[in-house]
Every structure is written in C-alpha cells, then in structure tokens.
N, C-alpha and C. Protein backbone atom coordinates (compact mmCIF):
# COMPACT_ATOMS: atom_id res chain seq x y z
N MET A 1 -1.17 -16.98 32.16
CA MET A 1 0.30 -16.02 31.77
C MET A 1 1.01 -16.47 31.70
N LYS A 2 0.90 -18.41 32.19
CA LYS A 2 2.66 -19.45 31.60
C LYS A 2 1.66 -20.27 31.19
N ASN A 3 0.75 -20.74 30.75
CA ASN A 3 -0.08 -21.59 29.48
C ASN A 3 0.05 -20.80 28.21
N ILE A 4 -0.11 -19.73 28.68
CA ILE A 4 -0.73 -18.61 26.52
C ILE A 4 1.26 -18.55 26.67
N LEU A 5 2.38 -18.18 27.90
CA LEU A 5 3.89 -18.69 27.13
C LEU A 5 3.90 -19.64 26.53
N ILE A 6 3.53 -20.50 27.05
CA ILE A 6 3.61 -21.97 26.07
C ILE A 6 2.88 -22.34 25.41
N THR A 7 1.88 -21.62 25.40
CA THR A 7 1.06 -21.77 23.70
C THR A 7 1.66 -21.43 22.33
N LEU A 8 2.11 -19.89 22.83
CA LEU A 8 3.04 -19.33 21.78
C LEU A 8 4.31 -19.91 21.60
N ILE A 9 4.77 -20.49 22.64
CA ILE A 9 6.18 -21.27 22.32
C ILE A 9 6.21 -22.47 21.05
N ALA A 10 4.36 -22.80 21.64
CA ALA A 10 4.30 -23.95 20.48
C ALA A 10 3.95 -23.51 19.29
N ILE A 11 3.17 -22.98 19.42
CA ILE A 11 3.05 -22.37 18.05
C ILE A 11 4.04 -21.47 16.57
N LEU A 12 4.99 -21.18 17.47
CA LEU A 12 5.93 -20.53 16.91
C LEU A 12 7.01 -21.84 16.72
N THR A 13 7.15 -23.06 16.97
CA THR A 13 8.06 -24.23 16.78
C THR A 13 7.03 -24.67 15.98
N LEU A 14 5.79 -25.05 15.83
CA LEU A 14 4.86 -25.71 15.10
C LEU A 14 5.25 -25.20 13.43
N THR A 15 5.32 -23.45 13.46
CA THR A 15 4.84 -23.02 12.13
C THR A 15 6.21 -22.53 11.77
N SER A 16 7.38 -22.63 12.65
CA SER A 16 8.51 -21.88 12.07
C SER A 16 8.76 -22.91 11.20
N CYS A 17 9.07 -24.02 10.84
CA CYS A 17 9.88 -24.86 9.89
C CYS A 17 8.15 -25.91 9.49
N SER A 18 8.06 -26.25 7.68
CA SER A 18 7.34 -26.71 7.28
C SER A 18 8.21 -27.73 7.21
N THR A 19 7.30 -29.35 6.70
CA THR A 19 8.60 -30.67 5.90
C THR A 19 8.70 -30.11 4.10
N GLU A 20 7.30 -29.09 4.27
CA GLU A 20 7.71 -28.99 2.65
C GLU A 20 9.42 -27.97 2.35
N ASP A 21 9.77 -27.65 3.31
CA ASP A 21 10.88 -26.55 3.04
C ASP A 21 12.12 -27.18 2.49
N VAL A 22 12.99 -26.98 1.35
CA VAL A 22 13.80 -27.80 1.50
C VAL A 22 15.13 -26.63 2.02
N CYS A 23 16.11 -27.79 2.43
CA CYS A 23 17.21 -26.67 3.02
C CYS A 23 18.69 -27.23 2.96
N GLY A 24 19.52 -26.95 2.92
CA GLY A 24 20.76 -27.17 2.70
C GLY A 24 22.04 -25.84 2.69
N THR A 25 23.05 -26.51 2.17
CA THR A 25 24.11 -25.77 2.08
C THR A 25 23.75 -25.67 0.02
N ILE A 26 24.21 -24.36 -0.28
CA ILE A 26 24.62 -23.92 -1.42
C ILE A 26 25.93 -24.93 -2.12
N THR A 27 25.60 -25.47 -3.12
CA THR A 27 26.77 -26.21 -3.16
C THR A 27 27.21 -25.86 -5.31
N GLY A 28 26.61 -25.01 -6.00
CA GLY A 28 26.63 -24.74 -7.00
C GLY A 28 25.40 -24.23 -7.71
N PHE A 29 25.60 -24.21 -8.32
CA PHE A 29 23.96 -23.33 -9.31
C PHE A 29 24.17 -22.50 -10.72
N GLY A 30 23.20 -22.17 -11.09
CA GLY A 30 23.69 -22.64 -13.36
C GLY A 30 22.20 -21.53 -13.85
N ALA A 31 21.71 -21.53 -14.44
CA ALA A 31 20.47 -21.59 -15.10
C ALA A 31 20.28 -21.71 -16.70
N ASN A 32 19.00 -22.69 -17.27
CA ASN A 32 19.23 -23.09 -18.75
C ASN A 32 17.78 -22.53 -18.89
N GLU A 33 17.11 -22.63 -20.09
CA GLU A 33 16.31 -22.44 -20.82
C GLU A 33 14.94 -22.54 -20.22
N TYR A 34 14.43 -23.26 -19.05
CA TYR A 34 13.98 -23.94 -17.69
C TYR A 34 13.96 -22.32 -16.68
N GLY A 35 14.64 -21.19 -16.85
CA GLY A 35 15.19 -20.88 -15.37
C GLY A 35 16.62 -20.12 -14.44
N TYR A 36 16.21 -20.35 -13.04
CA TYR A 36 17.58 -20.56 -12.87
C TYR A 36 17.58 -21.60 -11.64
N TYR A 37 19.01 -22.15 -11.12
CA TYR A 37 18.90 -22.59 -10.78
C TYR A 37 20.04 -23.14 -9.55
N ILE A 38 20.09 -23.32 -8.42
CA ILE A 38 20.98 -23.66 -7.01
C ILE A 38 21.05 -24.39 -6.56
N TYR A 39 22.24 -25.64 -6.53
CA TYR A 39 22.17 -27.04 -6.23
C TYR A 39 22.59 -26.59 -4.49
N LEU A 40 21.16 -27.21 -4.06
CA LEU A 40 21.41 -27.66 -2.39
C LEU A 40 21.69 -28.79 -2.62
N ASP A 41 22.99 -29.08 -1.27
CA ASP A 41 23.60 -30.39 -0.78
C ASP A 41 23.23 -31.34 -2.59
N GLY A 42 23.41 -30.69 -3.31
CA GLY A 42 23.97 -31.97 -4.50
C GLY A 42 22.55 -31.91 -5.15
N SER A 43 21.43 -31.39 -4.72
CA SER A 43 20.21 -31.43 -5.16
C SER A 43 19.57 -30.36 -6.07
N LYS A 44 19.33 -29.72 -7.40
CA LYS A 44 18.90 -28.82 -8.17
C LYS A 44 17.61 -28.64 -8.20
N GLU A 45 17.28 -27.78 -6.86
CA GLU A 45 16.38 -26.29 -7.05
C GLU A 45 16.51 -25.27 -7.63
N TYR A 46 15.04 -25.04 -8.99
CA TYR A 46 15.09 -24.17 -9.25
C TYR A 46 14.34 -22.13 -8.36
N VAL A 47 14.85 -21.81 -8.63
CA VAL A 47 14.33 -20.40 -7.70
C VAL A 47 14.52 -19.16 -8.26
N THR A 48 14.03 -18.49 -8.07
CA THR A 48 14.03 -16.51 -8.56
C THR A 48 14.98 -16.19 -8.88
N GLN A 49 14.75 -15.78 -10.17
CA GLN A 49 16.42 -14.49 -10.94
C GLN A 49 16.93 -13.76 -8.91
N THR A 50 16.37 -13.13 -8.59
CA THR A 50 16.65 -12.42 -6.95
C THR A 50 17.54 -13.60 -6.03
N THR A 51 17.23 -14.71 -5.85
CA THR A 51 17.30 -15.68 -4.93
C THR A 51 19.10 -15.94 -5.75
N TRP A 52 18.91 -16.23 -6.67
CA TRP A 52 19.88 -16.83 -7.69
C TRP A 52 20.79 -15.77 -7.63
N GLU A 53 20.69 -13.88 -7.62
CA GLU A 53 21.90 -13.41 -7.50
C GLU A 53 22.32 -13.11 -6.68
N GLN A 54 21.77 -13.88 -5.66
CA GLN A 54 22.16 -13.48 -4.40
C GLN A 54 22.82 -14.68 -3.71
N ALA A 55 22.83 -15.76 -4.47
CA ALA A 55 23.30 -16.97 -4.18
C ALA A 55 24.98 -17.43 -4.11
N TYR A 56 25.54 -17.69 -2.92
CA TYR A 56 27.12 -17.75 -3.05
C TYR A 56 27.53 -19.40 -2.38
N VAL A 57 28.08 -19.57 -2.79
CA VAL A 57 28.19 -21.43 -2.33
C VAL A 57 28.97 -21.55 -1.11
N GLY A 58 28.15 -22.16 -0.37
CA GLY A 58 28.85 -22.05 0.97
C GLY A 58 27.43 -21.66 1.98
N ASP A 59 26.97 -20.78 1.27
CA ASP A 59 25.95 -20.08 2.16
C ASP A 59 24.87 -21.19 2.90
N GLU A 60 24.51 -21.28 3.67
CA GLU A 60 22.94 -22.10 4.16
C GLU A 60 21.94 -21.72 3.35
N LEU A 61 20.63 -22.22 2.97
CA LEU A 61 19.76 -21.30 2.35
C LEU A 61 18.41 -22.54 2.39
N CYS A 62 17.77 -21.42 3.01
CA CYS A 62 15.99 -22.38 2.94
C CYS A 62 14.91 -22.21 2.02
N LEU A 63 14.74 -23.17 1.72
CA LEU A 63 13.33 -22.47 0.46
C LEU A 63 11.90 -22.89 0.18
N GLU A 64 11.26 -22.32 0.31
CA GLU A 64 9.96 -23.03 0.66
C GLU A 64 9.22 -23.60 -0.12
N SER A 65 8.88 -24.67 -0.30
CA SER A 65 7.87 -24.93 -1.31
C SER A 65 6.96 -23.88 -1.88
N VAL A 66 6.46 -24.31 -3.40
CA VAL A 66 5.17 -23.07 -3.46
C VAL A 66 4.27 -23.89 -4.17
N TRP A 67 4.73 -25.64 -3.98
CA TRP A 67 3.45 -26.49 -5.21
C TRP A 67 2.46 -26.74 -3.79
C-alpha cells in the first residue's frame, strides 16, 4: 500500500507541470491582426479570446504550450 501511494505521488508530481508551460504574472494585454495576447512577466504570449477576456493585470497564469 505504501509503495502504491509513493508511486501515485511521484506520477502526480512529474505530470503536474511541463517544462513547456509558460507561467508568470500578467503585466499587460492587447490585440493585433494576429490575435489576442497577454504579457507574462513582460513576455508576449498569444492566447485564445476567452483567456484574453478573463485576464487581469496582476493575476498569476500558466499557459500550456501547443507546439
């Protein structure tokens, strides 16, 4: 039983955050002819319209890479 618990914790820890994820504090946002974007710690990241509409400066956000 103890081994199963340790295995489950290890799996959850390893799969909870990818190195491909982009995380940070929203420092700004905007839109252009290419789409909607937000700035995470000063880095421009394109997002969906839904994410953009729910973005507030100061919020913490993690985006999964789609590439």
